[in-house]
Amino acid sequence: MKAKVVFALAIATVLTMPPQTRGAKCKVLHSFNSGYVPSGSLLLNKKGKLFGGTYSSVFELIPQPSGRWKKVVLHNFATQDGNPWGALIFDREGNLYGTTSGGPVSNSEVYELHPVTDGWVFSALYTDGAGPGVLLDNAGNIYGEMGPGANKYYGAIAELFPGANGWDYTALYSSCSQDNCADGFALPAPPVWDDHGNMFGVTTFGEFNNPQCWNGNGCGVVFEMTPNGDGTWDYYVLHRFASSQTDGQSPQGGLVRDAAGNFYGTTAHGGPHGHKGGAHGNGIVFKLSPNATGRWTMTVIYDFPDGCGHGCEPFGDLAFDQAGNLYGANGGGNATCSGGAYFCGMIYKLTPQPDGTWKYGAVYKFNGPDGFGPLGVTLDKKGHIYGATTEGGKYNFGVAFEIIP
């Protein structure tokens, strides 16, 4: 498969790191109890309700006039259905879609929850393997990592569409179709659309035995998929991570797109600081920008420093506020947290500057009772930040939180 574009790598200067935002407040909306650890970013609807998944259920959090939030379980998963993972997504009719990570009877699956008068109706749409979360198009077709693909173990990027007897499946591209899996495998999140119906995404692994990468499975790629108009798609590798000693490695979250058509993401390892002495590097935040030649430029807009006091190893999806500031979640932060210096986690903010640089700041550092191990962020129109953690809280099984900067 030929490469469509070549990346030019640039490293942007980042301004001095300020302390945590003064006055930022964290409110625990719900503490999860035994067996109900969250597993993905939260989904916010137009009515201000939050939706998410745990390892055994899909839930809704409803704000109450008292200021508290009420948790409602929409569906409890049977053992054979596996465990929900990744974020949820709504279609135009208000149906919810998500994926599970596998079960002893069925393989990991794509599911739908349809609202009815007295609850929600669960339907398994596809049961032969699925990655974390799915993407919808305007016609309601479903895309994401689904099915075994031609190379079995590594999976495929595929489409589900309504057929005469349910949902029909077609594989669009089988992962590891290039030697040494140089085209990548294992999506940490679904792809995202551009304005022309093309899909952009990242993989966590790819290109076996890359000497620059910290592991033998490779450190992932950025890819683009373009439709040909006849039901087939072309797959292009735009960038292979760990392509140099200072490159990012191993994305653990998907891409987010700004209004100008640029894409942003993170890697959990790598970066210039790793080259300067870190074990694997503490990761980067990067920007992908189209240029006049039809190519793309990759810019490191933040390189997490050695140590974790200001955050390290970002995880989950990024999110923009209405002013164009970028928010994310990572490890590190509060060294006195009950989860330890690395596991506590924090929410950070990147603010674009007139000269093209980005100013990094800590918005909130978790301390344990308010959770630790954040899974990504979701913002409302007021700039309030919502998310979930994997641990901490009243029962130490994670919390759903709201942060008011």
Protein backbone atom coordinates (compact mmCIF):
# COMPACT_ATOMS: atom_id res chain seq x y z
CA MET A 1 0.00 0.00 0.00
CA LYS A 2 1.54 3.26 -1.04
CA ALA A 3 1.80 6.15 1.39
CA LYS A 4 -0.40 9.12 0.56
CA VAL A 5 1.48 11.78 2.48
CA VAL A 6 4.74 12.31 4.29
CA PHE A 7 4.96 14.10 7.63
CA ALA A 8 7.34 16.87 8.45
CA LEU A 9 8.10 16.87 12.17
CA ALA A 10 8.34 20.15 14.02
CA ILE A 11 8.56 20.81 17.74
CA ALA A 12 6.79 23.90 19.01
CA THR A 13 8.15 25.82 21.95
CA VAL A 14 5.91 25.49 25.00
CA LEU A 15 5.63 28.28 27.49
CA THR A 16 6.51 27.94 31.17
CA MET A 17 4.11 25.68 33.06
CA PRO A 18 1.83 27.56 35.48
CA PRO A 19 0.52 25.99 38.69
CA GLN A 20 -2.90 24.43 39.00
CA THR A 21 -5.76 26.76 38.11
CA ARG A 22 -6.74 28.69 41.21
CA GLY A 23 -10.27 28.08 42.35
CA ALA A 24 -10.89 24.99 40.22
CA LYS A 25 -13.44 22.84 42.03
CA CYS A 26 -14.10 19.13 41.62
CA LYS A 27 -17.51 17.69 42.46
CA VAL A 28 -18.00 13.94 42.77
CA LEU A 29 -21.26 13.20 40.98
CA HIS A 30 -21.26 9.49 41.80
CA SER A 31 -18.95 7.01 43.53
CA PHE A 32 -19.04 3.59 41.87
CA ASN A 33 -19.19 0.52 44.11
CA SER A 34 -17.80 -2.99 43.77
CA GLY A 35 -17.91 -4.35 40.23
CA TYR A 36 -18.87 -1.04 38.63
CA VAL A 37 -15.53 0.47 37.60
CA PRO A 38 -16.00 2.98 34.71
CA SER A 39 -14.55 2.18 31.30
CA GLY A 40 -14.39 5.21 29.03
CA SER A 41 -15.19 8.89 28.63
CA LEU A 42 -18.66 10.14 29.52
CA LEU A 43 -21.21 11.20 26.88
CA LEU A 44 -23.14 14.44 27.50
CA ASN A 45 -26.52 15.01 25.81
CA LYS A 46 -28.34 18.29 25.11
CA LYS A 47 -30.34 18.01 28.32
CA GLY A 48 -27.21 17.89 30.46
CA LYS A 49 -27.45 14.17 31.25
CA LEU A 50 -24.35 12.01 31.28
CA PHE A 51 -24.08 8.48 29.88
CA GLY A 52 -21.32 5.96 30.34
CA GLY A 53 -20.32 2.35 30.76
CA THR A 54 -18.85 0.32 33.58
CA TYR A 55 -17.47 -3.21 33.42
CA SER A 56 -21.00 -4.57 33.86
CA SER A 57 -23.57 -1.94 32.86
CA VAL A 58 -24.54 1.16 30.90
CA PHE A 59 -25.71 4.00 33.13
CA GLU A 60 -27.23 7.47 32.99
CA LEU A 61 -26.51 10.28 35.44
CA ILE A 62 -29.34 12.80 35.75
CA PRO A 63 -28.86 16.21 37.44
CA GLN A 64 -31.40 16.89 40.19
CA PRO A 65 -32.85 20.23 41.40
CA SER A 66 -31.03 19.64 44.70
CA GLY A 67 -27.67 19.74 42.92
CA ARG A 68 -27.14 16.02 43.31
CA TRP A 69 -27.08 13.50 40.47
CA LYS A 70 -29.22 10.40 40.17
CA LYS A 71 -27.74 7.25 38.66
CA VAL A 72 -30.01 5.04 36.54
CA VAL A 73 -28.83 1.72 35.12
CA LEU A 74 -30.00 1.41 31.51
CA HIS A 75 -28.75 -2.14 30.98
CA ASN A 76 -26.93 -4.81 32.97
CA PHE A 77 -24.78 -7.05 30.81
CA ALA A 78 -25.07 -10.80 31.02
CA THR A 79 -21.84 -12.75 31.34
CA GLN A 80 -21.95 -13.90 27.73
CA ASP A 81 -22.14 -10.32 26.44
CA GLY A 82 -18.77 -9.29 27.86
CA ASN A 83 -17.88 -5.98 29.47
CA PRO A 84 -18.55 -2.50 28.02
CA TRP A 85 -15.46 -0.58 26.96
CA GLY A 86 -14.84 2.70 25.21
CA ALA A 87 -17.17 5.68 24.91
CA LEU A 88 -20.85 5.64 23.87
CA ILE A 89 -22.41 7.51 20.94
CA PHE A 90 -25.96 8.64 20.09
CA ASP A 91 -27.62 8.52 16.67
CA ARG A 92 -30.17 11.11 15.52
CA GLU A 93 -33.08 9.09 16.93
CA GLY A 94 -31.58 8.91 20.41
CA ASN A 95 -30.34 5.33 20.25
CA LEU A 96 -27.12 4.55 22.06
CA TYR A 97 -24.31 2.48 20.56
CA GLY A 98 -21.27 0.94 22.19
CA THR A 99 -19.01 -2.10 22.31
CA THR A 100 -18.00 -4.80 24.77
CA SER A 101 -14.55 -6.30 25.30
CA GLY A 102 -15.63 -9.94 24.96
CA GLY A 103 -17.34 -12.74 26.82
CA PRO A 104 -17.10 -16.53 27.22
CA VAL A 105 -19.99 -17.23 24.81
CA SER A 106 -19.94 -14.44 22.24
CA ASN A 107 -16.87 -12.56 21.12
CA SER A 108 -16.66 -8.84 21.87
CA GLU A 109 -19.66 -7.16 20.28
CA VAL A 110 -21.31 -4.00 18.98
CA TYR A 111 -24.59 -3.24 20.73
CA GLU A 112 -27.50 -0.80 20.54
CA LEU A 113 -29.75 0.50 23.31
CA HIS A 114 -33.11 1.75 22.05
CA PRO A 115 -35.23 3.97 24.34
CA VAL A 116 -38.84 2.88 24.97
CA THR A 117 -41.52 4.11 27.38
CA ASP A 118 -40.43 1.99 30.33
CA GLY A 119 -36.69 1.71 29.75
CA TRP A 120 -34.19 0.69 27.10
CA VAL A 121 -34.12 -2.33 24.79
CA PHE A 122 -30.75 -4.02 24.25
CA SER A 123 -29.74 -5.51 20.88
CA ALA A 124 -26.43 -7.16 19.97
CA LEU A 125 -25.73 -6.00 16.40
CA TYR A 126 -22.44 -7.80 15.75
CA THR A 127 -20.74 -10.45 17.90
CA ASP A 128 -17.50 -11.40 16.17
CA GLY A 129 -15.16 -8.89 17.74
CA ALA A 130 -15.14 -5.13 18.31
CA GLY A 131 -12.73 -2.43 19.44
CA PRO A 132 -13.47 0.30 22.02
CA GLY A 133 -16.38 2.36 20.67
CA VAL A 134 -17.84 3.06 17.23
CA LEU A 135 -18.36 5.92 14.76
CA LEU A 136 -21.62 6.76 12.92
CA ASP A 137 -22.17 8.45 9.55
CA ASN A 138 -25.14 10.65 8.62
CA ALA A 139 -27.07 7.63 7.31
CA GLY A 140 -26.71 5.76 10.60
CA ASN A 141 -24.13 3.25 9.39
CA ILE A 142 -21.61 2.10 12.00
CA TYR A 143 -17.82 2.13 11.62
CA GLY A 144 -14.94 1.04 13.79
CA GLU A 145 -12.63 -1.81 14.60
CA MET A 146 -14.80 -4.91 14.10
CA GLY A 147 -14.28 -8.52 13.10
CA PRO A 148 -11.13 -10.65 12.77
CA GLY A 149 -10.02 -9.33 9.36
CA ALA A 150 -7.95 -11.29 6.87
CA ASN A 151 -5.14 -11.68 9.39
CA LYS A 152 -7.45 -13.01 12.12
CA TYR A 153 -5.65 -11.94 15.30
CA TYR A 154 -5.24 -8.28 14.34
CA GLY A 155 -8.80 -7.31 13.38
CA ALA A 156 -10.25 -5.04 10.73
CA ILE A 157 -11.74 -1.58 10.28
CA ALA A 158 -15.26 -2.35 9.12
CA GLU A 159 -18.79 -1.06 8.50
CA LEU A 160 -22.18 -2.27 9.73
CA PHE A 161 -25.23 -1.21 7.73
CA PRO A 162 -28.95 -2.13 7.92
CA GLY A 163 -29.86 -5.16 5.79
CA ALA A 164 -32.91 -7.27 5.09
CA ASN A 165 -32.28 -9.50 8.12
CA GLY A 166 -30.57 -7.17 10.56
CA TRP A 167 -27.17 -5.57 10.21
CA ASP A 168 -24.78 -6.57 7.44
CA TYR A 169 -21.02 -6.52 7.89
CA THR A 170 -18.26 -5.59 5.48
CA ALA A 171 -14.54 -5.33 6.23
CA LEU A 172 -13.01 -2.15 4.79
CA TYR A 173 -9.37 -2.79 5.69
CA SER A 174 -7.63 -5.67 7.46
CA SER A 175 -5.01 -4.57 9.98
CA CYS A 176 -1.47 -5.86 9.56
CA SER A 177 -1.77 -6.13 5.79
CA GLN A 178 1.76 -4.78 5.45
CA ASP A 179 4.97 -6.56 6.44
CA ASN A 180 5.72 -6.42 10.18
CA CYS A 181 2.32 -4.77 10.73
CA ALA A 182 3.78 -1.49 9.50
CA ASP A 183 0.22 -0.26 8.87
CA GLY A 184 -0.66 -0.57 12.57
CA PHE A 185 -3.21 -2.46 14.65
CA ALA A 186 -5.34 -2.04 17.80
CA LEU A 187 -7.31 1.23 17.70
CA PRO A 188 -7.57 2.88 21.15
CA ALA A 189 -10.68 4.79 19.98
CA PRO A 190 -12.83 4.99 16.82
CA PRO A 191 -11.68 7.12 13.87
CA VAL A 192 -13.11 10.61 13.33
CA TRP A 193 -14.53 12.25 10.19
CA ASP A 194 -13.24 15.19 8.20
CA ASP A 195 -15.57 17.38 6.09
CA HIS A 196 -15.17 15.17 3.01
CA GLY A 197 -16.22 11.81 4.43
CA ASN A 198 -12.69 10.56 5.10
CA MET A 199 -11.79 8.81 8.36
CA PHE A 200 -8.69 9.63 10.40
CA GLY A 201 -7.45 7.61 13.33
CA VAL A 202 -4.53 6.16 15.26
CA THR A 203 -3.43 2.71 16.35
CA THR A 204 -1.59 1.81 19.53
CA PHE A 205 0.71 -0.77 17.94
CA GLY A 206 2.36 -1.35 14.58
CA GLU A 207 5.68 -2.08 12.88
CA PHE A 208 7.14 -4.98 14.85
CA ASN A 209 10.64 -4.68 16.31
CA ASN A 210 11.05 -0.99 15.55
CA PRO A 211 14.38 -0.23 17.29
CA GLN A 212 13.15 3.22 18.36
CA CYS A 213 10.01 1.82 20.03
CA TRP A 214 9.85 0.77 23.66
CA ASN A 215 8.11 -2.56 22.88
CA GLY A 216 8.32 -5.32 20.28
CA ASN A 217 4.79 -4.79 18.95
CA GLY A 218 5.54 -1.35 17.55
CA CYS A 219 4.32 2.07 18.66
CA GLY A 220 1.38 2.80 16.36
CA VAL A 221 0.50 4.90 13.33
CA VAL A 222 -1.73 7.74 12.17
CA PHE A 223 -3.93 6.64 9.27
CA GLU A 224 -6.48 8.00 6.81
CA MET A 225 -9.22 6.05 5.03
CA THR A 226 -10.86 7.50 1.92
CA PRO A 227 -14.00 6.13 0.20
CA ASN A 228 -13.82 5.30 -3.51
CA GLY A 229 -17.54 5.63 -4.16
CA ASP A 230 -18.08 1.92 -4.93
CA GLY A 231 -18.12 0.66 -1.35
CA THR A 232 -14.34 0.18 -1.16
CA TRP A 233 -11.92 2.31 0.79
CA ASP A 234 -8.24 3.13 0.50
CA TYR A 235 -6.06 3.05 3.60
CA TYR A 236 -3.02 5.30 3.96
CA VAL A 237 -0.41 5.45 6.69
CA LEU A 238 0.25 9.13 7.36
CA HIS A 239 2.81 8.73 10.12
CA ARG A 240 4.52 5.90 11.98
CA PHE A 241 5.23 6.73 15.62
CA ALA A 242 8.73 6.11 17.00
CA SER A 243 10.08 7.16 13.60
CA SER A 244 12.88 8.95 15.46
CA GLN A 245 14.34 8.96 18.96
CA THR A 246 12.27 12.03 19.88
CA ASP A 247 8.97 10.97 18.27
CA GLY A 248 5.86 10.08 20.26
CA GLN A 249 4.99 6.45 20.94
CA SER A 250 1.86 4.41 21.69
CA PRO A 251 -1.35 6.50 21.43
CA GLN A 252 -3.88 5.62 24.15
CA GLY A 253 -6.66 7.89 22.92
CA GLY A 254 -8.23 8.97 19.63
CA LEU A 255 -8.03 12.13 17.54
CA VAL A 256 -10.05 15.31 17.93
CA ARG A 257 -10.57 17.85 15.12
CA ASP A 258 -10.73 21.65 15.31
CA ALA A 259 -12.80 24.00 13.14
CA ALA A 260 -9.86 24.61 10.77
CA GLY A 261 -9.45 20.91 9.94
CA ASN A 262 -6.44 20.16 12.12
CA PHE A 263 -6.31 16.97 14.18
CA TYR A 264 -4.93 16.60 17.69
CA GLY A 265 -3.96 13.59 19.76
CA THR A 266 -1.58 12.23 22.36
CA THR A 267 0.91 9.44 22.87
CA ALA A 268 1.56 7.79 26.23
CA HIS A 269 5.31 7.43 25.65
CA GLY A 270 8.10 9.03 23.67
CA GLY A 271 8.93 12.65 23.06
CA PRO A 272 12.11 14.72 23.31
CA HIS A 273 12.28 14.35 27.10
CA GLY A 274 12.42 10.58 26.73
CA HIS A 275 15.45 11.01 24.53
CA LYS A 276 17.04 13.18 27.20
CA GLY A 277 16.91 10.52 29.88
CA GLY A 278 13.37 9.28 30.62
CA ALA A 279 12.82 5.50 30.57
CA HIS A 280 10.44 5.62 27.60
CA GLY A 281 9.50 9.28 27.66
CA ASN A 282 6.30 10.57 29.25
CA GLY A 283 4.43 11.25 26.01
CA ILE A 284 3.42 14.19 23.85
CA VAL A 285 0.43 16.16 22.61
CA PHE A 286 0.60 16.53 18.83
CA LYS A 287 -1.12 18.48 16.06
CA LEU A 288 -1.61 17.36 12.45
CA SER A 289 -2.04 20.23 10.00
CA PRO A 290 -2.74 20.08 6.25
CA ASN A 291 -0.52 22.27 4.11
CA ALA A 292 -0.70 23.75 0.60
CA THR A 293 1.10 20.77 -0.99
CA GLY A 294 -1.55 18.28 0.16
CA ARG A 295 0.79 16.88 2.78
CA TRP A 296 0.46 17.03 6.53
CA THR A 297 2.75 18.53 9.16
CA MET A 298 3.04 16.94 12.58
CA THR A 299 3.90 19.37 15.38
CA VAL A 300 4.63 18.48 18.98
CA ILE A 301 2.68 21.13 20.90
CA TYR A 302 3.59 19.73 24.31
CA ASP A 303 6.24 17.29 25.51
CA PHE A 304 5.62 15.96 29.02
CA PRO A 305 8.77 16.41 31.12
CA ASP A 306 10.65 13.87 33.21
CA GLY A 307 8.86 13.06 36.44
CA CYS A 308 5.10 13.22 36.82
CA GLY A 309 4.52 16.29 38.98
CA HIS A 310 3.10 18.24 36.05
CA GLY A 311 1.45 15.18 34.52
CA CYS A 312 2.68 12.29 32.42
CA GLU A 313 1.54 9.59 29.99
CA PRO A 314 -1.73 11.12 28.70
CA PHE A 315 -4.68 8.78 28.30
CA GLY A 316 -8.11 9.02 26.66
CA ASP A 317 -9.59 11.53 24.25
CA LEU A 318 -8.96 15.28 24.17
CA ALA A 319 -11.72 17.90 24.03
CA PHE A 320 -12.00 21.56 22.97
CA ASP A 321 -13.89 24.32 24.74
CA GLN A 322 -15.67 27.04 22.77
CA ALA A 323 -12.64 29.35 23.00
CA GLY A 324 -10.38 26.82 21.29
CA ASN A 325 -8.54 25.63 24.39
CA LEU A 326 -7.64 21.95 24.51
CA TYR A 327 -8.22 19.74 27.55
CA GLY A 328 -7.04 16.25 28.42
CA ALA A 329 -6.38 13.74 31.20
CA ASN A 330 -3.12 12.12 32.23
CA GLY A 331 -1.26 10.42 35.05
CA GLY A 332 0.88 12.07 37.67
CA GLY A 333 -0.01 15.23 39.50
CA ASN A 334 -0.50 14.95 43.26
CA ALA A 335 2.28 12.83 44.79
CA THR A 336 0.39 12.52 48.10
CA CYS A 337 -2.67 10.95 46.48
CA SER A 338 -3.58 7.44 47.75
CA GLY A 339 -3.01 6.12 44.24
CA GLY A 340 0.66 7.10 44.25
CA ALA A 341 2.57 9.77 42.34
CA TYR A 342 1.93 8.25 38.91
CA PHE A 343 -1.58 6.87 39.24
CA CYS A 344 -3.36 9.88 40.75
CA GLY A 345 -3.85 11.74 37.52
CA MET A 346 -4.88 15.23 36.60
CA ILE A 347 -6.75 17.35 34.07
CA TYR A 348 -4.65 19.71 32.00
CA LYS A 349 -5.30 22.58 29.59
CA LEU A 350 -3.43 23.79 26.52
CA THR A 351 -4.12 27.37 25.44
CA PRO A 352 -3.12 28.52 21.92
CA GLN A 353 -0.93 31.62 21.83
CA PRO A 354 -0.73 34.30 19.07
CA ASP A 355 2.76 33.13 18.07
CA GLY A 356 1.60 29.55 17.43
CA THR A 357 2.85 28.06 20.71
CA TRP A 358 0.61 26.48 23.33
CA LYS A 359 0.57 27.32 27.04
CA TYR A 360 0.27 24.28 29.33
CA GLY A 361 -1.40 24.38 32.73
CA ALA A 362 -2.78 22.01 35.35
CA VAL A 363 -6.53 22.48 35.79
CA TYR A 364 -7.06 19.95 38.58
CA LYS A 365 -4.98 17.29 40.35
CA PHE A 366 -6.91 14.38 41.84
CA ASN A 367 -6.23 13.36 45.44
CA GLY A 368 -7.99 10.00 45.96
CA PRO A 369 -11.36 10.72 47.64
CA ASP A 370 -12.32 12.58 44.46
CA GLY A 371 -10.98 9.71 42.34
CA PHE A 372 -7.74 8.88 40.59
CA GLY A 373 -6.93 7.55 37.14
CA PRO A 374 -9.09 9.79 34.85
CA LEU A 375 -10.30 8.32 31.54
CA GLY A 376 -10.62 11.38 29.31
CA VAL A 377 -12.74 14.51 29.34
CA THR A 378 -16.05 15.91 28.06
CA LEU A 379 -16.92 19.62 28.15
CA ASP A 380 -20.26 21.43 28.21
CA LYS A 381 -20.95 24.90 26.75
CA LYS A 382 -20.05 26.56 30.05
CA GLY A 383 -16.61 24.97 30.03
CA HIS A 384 -17.38 22.55 32.85
CA ILE A 385 -15.35 19.35 32.56
CA TYR A 386 -16.90 15.91 33.05
CA GLY A 387 -15.31 12.51 33.23
CA ALA A 388 -14.78 9.32 35.17
CA THR A 389 -11.88 7.72 37.02
CA THR A 390 -10.95 4.06 37.33
CA GLU A 391 -10.20 4.16 41.07
CA GLY A 392 -10.64 6.29 44.15
CA GLY A 393 -13.83 7.70 45.58
CA LYS A 394 -15.90 6.38 48.48
CA TYR A 395 -15.60 2.71 47.50
CA ASN A 396 -12.31 2.91 45.57
CA PHE A 397 -13.96 1.79 42.33
CA GLY A 398 -13.83 5.17 40.64
CA VAL A 399 -16.09 8.21 40.38
CA ALA A 400 -17.94 10.36 37.89
CA PHE A 401 -16.79 13.95 38.35
CA GLU A 402 -17.48 17.53 37.33
CA ILE A 403 -14.70 20.12 37.40
CA ILE A 404 -15.51 23.81 37.31
CA PRO A 405 -12.34 25.71 36.31
